[in-house]
């Protein structure tokens, strides 16, 4: 500032300088407010998005949350098997036979003894597509080993990793079925069943070391939950889902205990009459 300025000029210059400083301060304060408001706005948006995502996640069914679903599964829970016995295949134009099974269920074992051969014959002839739904409702009967869940997980593993051997594995699991109120088969023993059914040692190792159980446990649990809430599957007399539950083209069929009745219902041929011999497990 020049020393030759008059007093008035110095005063005006000081005022101008003060005004300039005030404007700079106001600009800084404005920028600060904008930054704070922007941050608050962004935080609010993030909060809203998080709330929406949490809400949407809460609205999902158990099945929609499952990460690993076996290849070829239909309607999230069923493993279809066509003429060649390969998981994930269907017989085009044929009737659909849905069977909900628990590998610990003794009545499911009876179902296989009564109907297994005729189902295989019809499937191989292209008359029906078998859809196996492995569920786990009898873990409580395996002394804490969760055999039903482990066995169903192994079935899912075979369907995904060794689909050509699925039908043979399914049959072998009932041929080796343990009794209720026992620990059931160990993972190593289930793996041996898989190898006997033609599954490679490499793939069977995933059952033996628990990888199959770890991979598909969530799917088995969600499948069981889905079946238990499906009005087509729930027994109208008990209000719950039992095994085996049998559907022909989506319609419940309870007469499978009579030899030939299930085949007759599918092919239209009459079956010999006799009294039902078993009730589904629940």
Protein backbone atom coordinates (compact mmCIF):
# COMPACT_ATOMS: atom_id res chain seq x y z
CA UNK A 1 0.00 0.00 0.00
CA UNK A 2 1.39 3.38 -1.03
CA UNK A 3 2.35 5.77 1.78
CA UNK A 4 1.27 8.68 -0.45
CA UNK A 5 -2.44 7.74 -0.15
CA UNK A 6 -4.67 10.04 1.78
CA UNK A 7 -6.34 8.89 4.91
CA UNK A 8 -9.65 8.44 3.06
CA UNK A 9 -7.98 6.41 0.35
CA UNK A 10 -6.32 4.17 2.90
CA UNK A 11 -9.65 3.69 4.62
CA UNK A 12 -11.34 2.78 1.32
CA UNK A 13 -8.54 0.38 0.46
CA UNK A 14 -8.82 -1.29 3.85
CA UNK A 15 -12.57 -1.64 3.40
CA UNK A 16 -12.08 -3.17 -0.07
CA UNK A 17 -9.52 -5.60 1.28
CA UNK A 18 -11.83 -6.57 4.16
CA UNK A 19 -14.71 -7.01 1.72
CA UNK A 20 -12.56 -9.26 -0.50
CA UNK A 21 -11.57 -11.34 2.51
CA UNK A 22 -15.20 -11.58 3.58
CA UNK A 23 -16.25 -12.80 0.12
CA UNK A 24 -13.49 -15.41 0.11
CA UNK A 25 -14.62 -16.59 3.54
CA UNK A 26 -18.22 -16.77 2.37
CA UNK A 27 -17.15 -18.76 -0.69
CA UNK A 28 -15.22 -21.18 1.50
CA UNK A 29 -18.20 -21.58 3.81
CA UNK A 30 -20.49 -22.17 0.81
CA UNK A 31 -18.17 -24.86 -0.55
CA UNK A 32 -18.03 -26.47 2.89
CA UNK A 33 -21.83 -26.49 3.12
CA UNK A 34 -22.10 -28.02 -0.34
CA UNK A 35 -19.56 -30.70 0.57
CA UNK A 36 -21.41 -31.51 3.80
CA UNK A 37 -24.80 -31.56 2.05
CA UNK A 38 -23.42 -33.72 -0.74
CA UNK A 39 -21.93 -36.13 1.76
CA UNK A 40 -25.21 -36.26 3.68
CA UNK A 41 -27.12 -36.80 0.44
CA UNK A 42 -24.77 -39.58 -0.64
CA UNK A 43 -24.99 -41.15 2.80
CA UNK A 44 -28.78 -40.99 2.64
CA UNK A 45 -28.78 -42.63 -0.80
CA UNK A 46 -26.46 -45.38 0.44
CA UNK A 47 -28.70 -45.91 3.46
CA UNK A 48 -31.82 -46.12 1.29
CA UNK A 49 -30.15 -48.58 -1.08
CA UNK A 50 -28.98 -50.69 1.86
CA UNK A 51 -32.48 -50.74 3.37
CA UNK A 52 -34.02 -51.69 0.02
CA UNK A 53 -31.46 -54.46 -0.49
CA UNK A 54 -32.06 -55.81 3.01
CA UNK A 55 -35.81 -55.72 2.40
CA UNK A 56 -35.49 -57.47 -0.97
CA UNK A 57 -33.17 -60.10 0.54
CA UNK A 58 -35.72 -60.68 3.28
CA UNK A 59 -38.44 -61.21 0.67
CA UNK A 60 -36.49 -64.00 -1.05
CA UNK A 61 -37.49 -67.60 -0.49
CA UNK A 62 -34.97 -70.03 0.94
CA UNK A 63 -34.44 -71.49 -2.53
CA UNK A 64 -33.70 -68.06 -4.04
CA UNK A 65 -30.86 -67.69 -1.54
CA UNK A 66 -29.24 -71.01 -2.47
CA UNK A 67 -25.87 -70.60 -4.19
CA UNK A 68 -25.33 -74.17 -5.45
CA UNK A 69 -28.11 -75.97 -7.32
CA UNK A 70 -27.24 -79.22 -9.12
CA UNK A 71 -27.09 -79.03 -12.91
CA UNK A 72 -30.22 -80.12 -14.75
CA UNK A 73 -32.60 -79.63 -11.83
CA UNK A 74 -36.18 -78.72 -12.77
CA UNK A 75 -38.28 -76.28 -10.75
CA UNK A 76 -35.32 -75.90 -8.38
CA UNK A 77 -35.89 -79.16 -6.47
CA UNK A 78 -36.29 -82.08 -8.89
CA UNK A 79 -33.67 -84.21 -10.65
CA UNK A 80 -35.22 -85.48 -13.92
CA UNK A 81 -34.15 -88.82 -15.36
CA UNK A 82 -34.95 -89.90 -18.91
CA UNK A 83 -34.65 -93.16 -20.83
CA UNK A 84 -30.89 -93.51 -20.48
CA UNK A 85 -30.88 -92.95 -16.71
CA UNK A 86 -28.87 -89.73 -16.95
CA UNK A 87 -29.71 -86.95 -14.50
CA UNK A 88 -30.92 -83.80 -16.20
CA UNK A 89 -32.62 -85.59 -19.12
CA UNK A 90 -36.29 -86.06 -19.96
CA UNK A 91 -38.47 -88.22 -22.18
CA UNK A 92 -40.17 -85.72 -24.47
CA UNK A 93 -43.94 -85.95 -24.46
CA UNK A 94 -44.00 -88.54 -21.66
CA UNK A 95 -45.86 -88.32 -18.38
CA UNK A 96 -43.93 -86.95 -15.41
CA UNK A 97 -43.54 -89.00 -12.25
CA UNK A 98 -42.36 -86.88 -9.31
CA UNK A 99 -41.15 -88.87 -6.33
CA UNK A 100 -40.14 -87.16 -3.06
CA UNK A 101 -37.81 -89.43 -1.11
CA UNK A 102 -35.72 -89.46 2.05
CA UNK A 103 -32.91 -92.00 1.80
CA UNK A 104 -33.41 -92.94 5.46
CA UNK A 105 -37.16 -93.49 5.02
CA UNK A 106 -38.07 -97.21 5.26
CA UNK A 107 -41.35 -96.64 3.42
CA UNK A 108 -39.37 -95.11 0.56
CA UNK A 109 -37.41 -98.36 0.54
CA UNK A 110 -40.70 -100.24 0.24
CA UNK A 111 -41.74 -97.94 -2.58
CA UNK A 112 -38.57 -98.82 -4.46
CA UNK A 113 -39.05 -102.55 -3.85
CA UNK A 114 -42.63 -102.45 -5.13
CA UNK A 115 -42.24 -99.98 -8.00
CA UNK A 116 -38.55 -99.55 -8.83
CA UNK A 117 -38.39 -102.17 -11.59
CA UNK A 118 -41.58 -101.03 -13.31
CA UNK A 119 -40.54 -97.37 -13.12
CA UNK A 120 -37.21 -98.21 -14.74
CA UNK A 121 -39.01 -100.20 -17.45
CA UNK A 122 -41.42 -97.35 -18.21
CA UNK A 123 -38.65 -94.78 -18.11
CA UNK A 124 -36.43 -96.78 -20.46
CA UNK A 125 -39.41 -97.24 -22.81
CA UNK A 126 -39.96 -93.49 -22.90
CA UNK A 127 -43.36 -93.68 -21.18
CA UNK A 128 -42.40 -91.53 -18.21
CA UNK A 129 -39.81 -89.07 -17.00
CA UNK A 130 -38.83 -89.82 -13.41
CA UNK A 131 -38.15 -86.72 -11.33
CA UNK A 132 -36.42 -87.50 -8.04
CA UNK A 133 -36.75 -84.96 -5.23
CA UNK A 134 -34.21 -85.83 -2.49
CA UNK A 135 -35.46 -84.32 0.77
CA UNK A 136 -34.37 -84.61 4.39
CA UNK A 137 -37.14 -85.00 6.94
CA UNK A 138 -35.63 -87.83 9.01
CA UNK A 139 -32.32 -86.41 10.22
CA UNK A 140 -33.73 -86.86 13.72
CA UNK A 141 -33.63 -90.65 13.26
CA UNK A 142 -29.88 -90.92 12.57
CA UNK A 143 -28.44 -90.24 16.03
CA UNK A 144 -27.19 -86.77 15.18
CA UNK A 145 -25.29 -87.64 11.98
CA UNK A 146 -27.80 -85.90 9.66
CA UNK A 147 -27.80 -88.94 7.41
CA UNK A 148 -30.85 -87.82 5.41
CA UNK A 149 -29.22 -84.49 4.54
CA UNK A 150 -25.84 -86.06 3.77
CA UNK A 151 -27.40 -88.74 1.56
CA UNK A 152 -29.52 -86.21 -0.34
CA UNK A 153 -26.46 -83.97 -0.76
CA UNK A 154 -24.55 -86.93 -2.19
CA UNK A 155 -27.39 -87.54 -4.67
CA UNK A 156 -27.17 -83.89 -5.73
CA UNK A 157 -23.39 -84.23 -6.09
CA UNK A 158 -23.73 -87.30 -8.33
CA UNK A 159 -26.45 -85.62 -10.40
CA UNK A 160 -24.13 -82.67 -11.00
CA UNK A 161 -20.73 -84.37 -11.27
CA UNK A 162 -21.58 -87.85 -12.57
CA UNK A 163 -25.07 -87.56 -14.12
CA UNK A 164 -24.75 -90.78 -16.15
CA UNK A 165 -24.49 -92.72 -12.89
CA UNK A 166 -27.32 -90.99 -11.05
CA UNK A 167 -30.00 -93.62 -11.62
CA UNK A 168 -27.67 -96.43 -10.56
CA UNK A 169 -26.58 -94.44 -7.48
CA UNK A 170 -30.18 -93.72 -6.50
CA UNK A 171 -31.04 -97.42 -6.69
CA UNK A 172 -27.87 -98.40 -4.83
CA UNK A 173 -28.62 -96.01 -1.97
CA UNK A 174 -31.88 -97.86 -1.29
CA UNK A 175 -30.22 -101.22 -1.75
CA UNK A 176 -27.77 -100.12 1.01
CA UNK A 177 -30.38 -98.31 3.09
CA UNK A 178 -29.63 -98.21 6.84
CA UNK A 179 -32.30 -98.64 9.47
CA UNK A 180 -33.82 -95.71 11.34
CA UNK A 181 -32.40 -94.90 14.77
CA UNK A 182 -28.88 -95.78 13.57
CA UNK A 183 -26.09 -93.39 12.51
CA UNK A 184 -26.70 -94.38 8.90
CA UNK A 185 -23.86 -94.66 6.43
CA UNK A 186 -20.75 -92.54 6.88
CA UNK A 187 -19.64 -90.21 4.09
CA UNK A 188 -16.92 -92.74 3.25
CA UNK A 189 -19.51 -95.51 2.98
CA UNK A 190 -21.78 -93.39 0.77
CA UNK A 191 -18.76 -92.74 -1.45
CA UNK A 192 -18.22 -96.50 -1.70
CA UNK A 193 -21.86 -96.91 -2.78
CA UNK A 194 -21.25 -94.24 -5.42
CA UNK A 195 -18.18 -96.03 -6.75
CA UNK A 196 -20.10 -99.32 -6.88
CA UNK A 197 -22.71 -97.47 -8.96
CA UNK A 198 -20.03 -96.42 -11.44
CA UNK A 199 -19.06 -93.01 -10.13
CA UNK A 200 -15.34 -92.37 -10.61
CA UNK A 201 -13.07 -92.52 -7.58
CA UNK A 202 -12.18 -88.86 -8.15
CA UNK A 203 -15.80 -87.71 -7.97
CA UNK A 204 -16.65 -90.12 -5.15
CA UNK A 205 -13.84 -88.57 -3.12
CA UNK A 206 -15.90 -85.37 -2.93
CA UNK A 207 -18.56 -87.34 -1.08
CA UNK A 208 -16.07 -89.07 1.21
CA UNK A 209 -14.38 -85.86 2.36
CA UNK A 210 -17.65 -84.01 3.01
CA UNK A 211 -17.41 -81.60 0.07
CA UNK A 212 -20.71 -82.85 -1.35
CA UNK A 213 -22.44 -82.22 1.96
CA UNK A 214 -20.92 -78.77 2.29
CA UNK A 215 -21.83 -77.87 -1.30
CA UNK A 216 -25.44 -79.04 -1.38
CA UNK A 217 -26.62 -79.01 2.23
CA UNK A 218 -28.23 -75.61 1.70
CA UNK A 219 -30.01 -76.84 -1.43
CA UNK A 220 -31.33 -79.94 0.33
CA UNK A 221 -32.65 -77.83 3.21
CA UNK A 222 -34.31 -75.36 0.84
CA UNK A 223 -35.76 -78.18 -1.28
CA UNK A 224 -37.23 -79.81 1.80
CA UNK A 225 -38.72 -76.49 2.89
CA UNK A 226 -40.16 -75.90 -0.60
CA UNK A 227 -41.72 -79.35 -0.67
CA UNK A 228 -43.22 -78.87 2.77
CA UNK A 229 -45.00 -75.71 1.65
CA UNK A 230 -46.18 -77.02 -1.74
CA UNK A 231 -49.93 -77.72 -1.62
CA UNK A 232 -49.53 -80.39 -4.30
CA UNK A 233 -47.05 -82.24 -2.10
CA UNK A 234 -48.50 -81.74 1.38
CA UNK A 235 -50.72 -84.58 2.55
CA UNK A 236 -54.21 -83.06 2.92
CA UNK A 237 -55.03 -85.50 5.72
CA UNK A 238 -52.04 -84.67 7.92
CA UNK A 239 -51.21 -81.16 6.75
CA UNK A 240 -47.55 -82.13 6.40
CA UNK A 241 -45.20 -83.58 3.82
CA UNK A 242 -44.26 -87.24 4.10
CA UNK A 243 -42.08 -89.56 2.09
CA UNK A 244 -42.53 -91.04 -0.34
CA UNK A 245 -44.88 -88.57 -1.97
CA UNK A 246 -45.80 -89.44 -5.54
CA UNK A 247 -47.23 -87.16 -8.23
CA UNK A 248 -48.25 -88.17 -11.75
CA UNK A 249 -48.31 -85.11 -14.01
CA UNK A 250 -48.68 -82.98 -10.89
CA UNK A 251 -51.54 -84.99 -9.39
CA UNK A 252 -51.02 -86.78 -6.09
CA UNK A 253 -51.10 -90.60 -6.32
CA UNK A 254 -51.47 -92.55 -3.08
CA UNK A 255 -52.13 -96.03 -4.44
CA UNK A 256 -48.52 -96.98 -5.11
CA UNK A 257 -48.52 -99.65 -2.37
CA UNK A 258 -50.49 -102.02 -4.62
CA UNK A 259 -48.09 -103.79 -7.00
CA UNK A 260 -48.78 -102.65 -10.55
CA UNK A 261 -51.06 -99.78 -9.54
CA UNK A 262 -48.51 -97.05 -10.23
CA UNK A 263 -47.60 -98.52 -13.62
CA UNK A 264 -51.28 -98.87 -14.42
CA UNK A 265 -51.94 -95.24 -13.55
CA UNK A 266 -49.16 -94.19 -15.92
CA UNK A 267 -49.80 -96.56 -18.81
CA UNK A 268 -53.56 -96.93 -18.42
CA UNK A 269 -53.37 -100.67 -17.80
CA UNK A 270 -55.40 -102.17 -14.97
CA UNK A 271 -53.53 -103.33 -11.87
CA UNK A 272 -54.44 -106.20 -9.51
CA UNK A 273 -56.32 -105.05 -6.41
CA UNK A 274 -54.97 -105.42 -2.87
CA UNK A 275 -54.92 -103.44 0.34
CA UNK A 276 -52.28 -100.69 0.86
CA UNK A 277 -49.41 -101.91 3.04
CA UNK A 278 -47.52 -98.82 4.19
CA UNK A 279 -47.95 -95.22 5.21
CA UNK A 280 -45.49 -92.45 4.20
CA UNK A 281 -42.87 -91.38 6.75
CA UNK A 282 -43.14 -87.87 8.17
